[in-house]
Amino acid sequence: MKKSETILQKDVSELKTTVNDILFAVNKLSENFEQRFDNVEQRLDNVEQDLSSVKSKVNTQMVTKDYLDRKLTELRGVNKLTHLLQKKKIITPLEVKMVLSI
């Protein structure tokens, strides 16, 4: 075998080793990314479950616009009635404050 062939075989062997090292590193990196993505996916699943739970609680405890409108109408009626009763001297200003503070 000639010296140039020996050098060439050595270079090819070194290249194969380098390529194998690179492939190993890329594979290891890929595995690490896969594991990290799995962890992130699991955490996001937990967040989705938590948000779903919060959404359910909010929906069951939230009042509607119609309910608020009715309550505001009732409050306006109470305000008008107490001021009318005070104007007619049926109740005192102190009693008006007491009624409106309820």
Protein backbone atom coordinates (compact mmCIF):
# COMPACT_ATOMS: atom_id res chain seq x y z
CA MET A 1 0.00 0.00 0.00
CA LYS A 2 1.24 3.43 -0.87
CA LYS A 3 1.82 6.14 1.67
CA SER A 4 -0.87 8.35 0.10
CA GLU A 5 -3.45 5.53 0.36
CA THR A 6 -2.59 5.01 4.01
CA ILE A 7 -2.97 8.71 4.71
CA LEU A 8 -6.26 8.74 2.81
CA GLN A 9 -7.58 5.75 4.77
CA LYS A 10 -6.55 7.43 8.01
CA ASP A 11 -8.33 10.65 6.96
CA VAL A 12 -11.47 8.68 6.02
CA SER A 13 -11.35 6.85 9.33
CA GLU A 14 -11.01 10.14 11.22
CA LEU A 15 -13.90 11.60 9.21
CA LYS A 16 -16.07 8.58 10.03
CA THR A 17 -15.24 9.00 13.71
CA THR A 18 -16.03 12.72 13.53
CA VAL A 19 -19.32 12.07 11.72
CA ASN A 20 -20.25 9.41 14.27
CA ASP A 21 -19.42 11.80 17.12
CA ILE A 22 -21.57 14.50 15.51
CA LEU A 23 -24.44 12.05 14.96
CA PHE A 24 -24.20 10.91 18.57
CA ALA A 25 -24.26 14.52 19.81
CA VAL A 26 -27.22 15.40 17.57
CA ASN A 27 -29.08 12.29 18.72
CA LYS A 28 -28.40 13.12 22.38
CA LEU A 29 -29.54 16.70 21.82
CA SER A 30 -32.67 15.42 20.11
CA GLU A 31 -33.45 13.16 23.06
CA ASN A 32 -32.97 16.06 25.48
CA PHE A 33 -35.27 18.28 23.42
CA GLU A 34 -37.84 15.49 23.24
CA GLN A 35 -37.78 15.13 27.02
CA ARG A 36 -38.05 18.88 27.56
CA PHE A 37 -40.95 19.17 25.12
CA ASP A 38 -42.71 16.29 26.89
CA ASN A 39 -42.26 18.12 30.20
CA VAL A 40 -43.58 21.37 28.73
CA GLU A 41 -46.52 19.54 27.19
CA GLN A 42 -47.37 17.96 30.53
CA ARG A 43 -47.17 21.33 32.29
CA LEU A 44 -49.41 22.91 29.66
CA ASP A 45 -51.92 20.10 30.12
CA ASN A 46 -51.97 20.92 33.84
CA VAL A 47 -52.45 24.62 33.08
CA GLU A 48 -55.33 23.80 30.72
CA GLN A 49 -57.00 21.73 33.43
CA ASP A 50 -56.54 24.51 35.97
CA LEU A 51 -57.97 27.10 33.57
CA SER A 52 -60.91 24.86 32.80
CA SER A 53 -61.60 24.53 36.52
CA VAL A 54 -61.35 28.29 37.04
CA LYS A 55 -63.62 28.92 34.05
CA SER A 56 -66.23 26.56 35.47
CA LYS A 57 -66.10 28.30 38.84
CA VAL A 58 -66.39 31.73 37.24
CA ASN A 59 -69.33 30.64 35.11
CA THR A 60 -71.20 29.25 38.11
CA GLN A 61 -70.56 32.32 40.29
CA MET A 62 -70.92 35.07 37.71
CA VAL A 63 -74.05 37.18 37.76
CA THR A 64 -75.85 38.07 34.56
CA LYS A 65 -76.53 41.50 33.15
CA ASP A 66 -80.26 40.93 33.63
CA TYR A 67 -79.72 40.17 37.32
CA LEU A 68 -77.66 43.35 37.79
CA ASP A 69 -80.23 45.41 35.89
CA ARG A 70 -83.01 44.12 38.17
CA LYS A 71 -80.99 44.86 41.30
CA LEU A 72 -80.15 48.39 40.10
CA THR A 73 -83.81 49.01 39.32
CA GLU A 74 -84.76 47.82 42.81
CA LEU A 75 -82.08 50.06 44.33
CA ARG A 76 -83.34 53.08 42.39
CA GLY A 77 -86.85 52.33 43.62
CA VAL A 78 -85.67 52.10 47.23
CA ASN A 79 -83.75 55.37 46.85
CA LYS A 80 -86.76 57.18 45.41
CA LEU A 81 -89.11 55.75 48.02
CA THR A 82 -86.88 56.69 50.98
CA HIS A 83 -86.36 60.22 49.67
CA LEU A 84 -90.11 60.57 49.05
CA LEU A 85 -90.87 59.36 52.59
CA GLN A 86 -88.29 61.78 53.98
CA LYS A 87 -89.72 64.65 51.92
CA LYS A 88 -93.19 63.91 53.35
CA LYS A 89 -91.58 63.81 56.81
CA ILE A 90 -92.62 60.20 57.35
CA ILE A 91 -89.02 59.13 58.06
CA THR A 92 -86.04 61.09 59.34
CA PRO A 93 -82.74 61.66 57.51
CA LEU A 94 -81.13 59.24 59.95
CA GLU A 95 -83.68 56.58 59.02
CA VAL A 96 -82.98 57.26 55.32
CA LYS A 97 -79.29 56.61 55.94
CA MET A 98 -80.10 53.44 57.82
CA VAL A 99 -82.35 52.12 55.03
CA LEU A 100 -79.86 52.99 52.28
CA SER A 101 -76.97 51.38 54.16
CA ILE A 102 -78.68 47.98 54.08
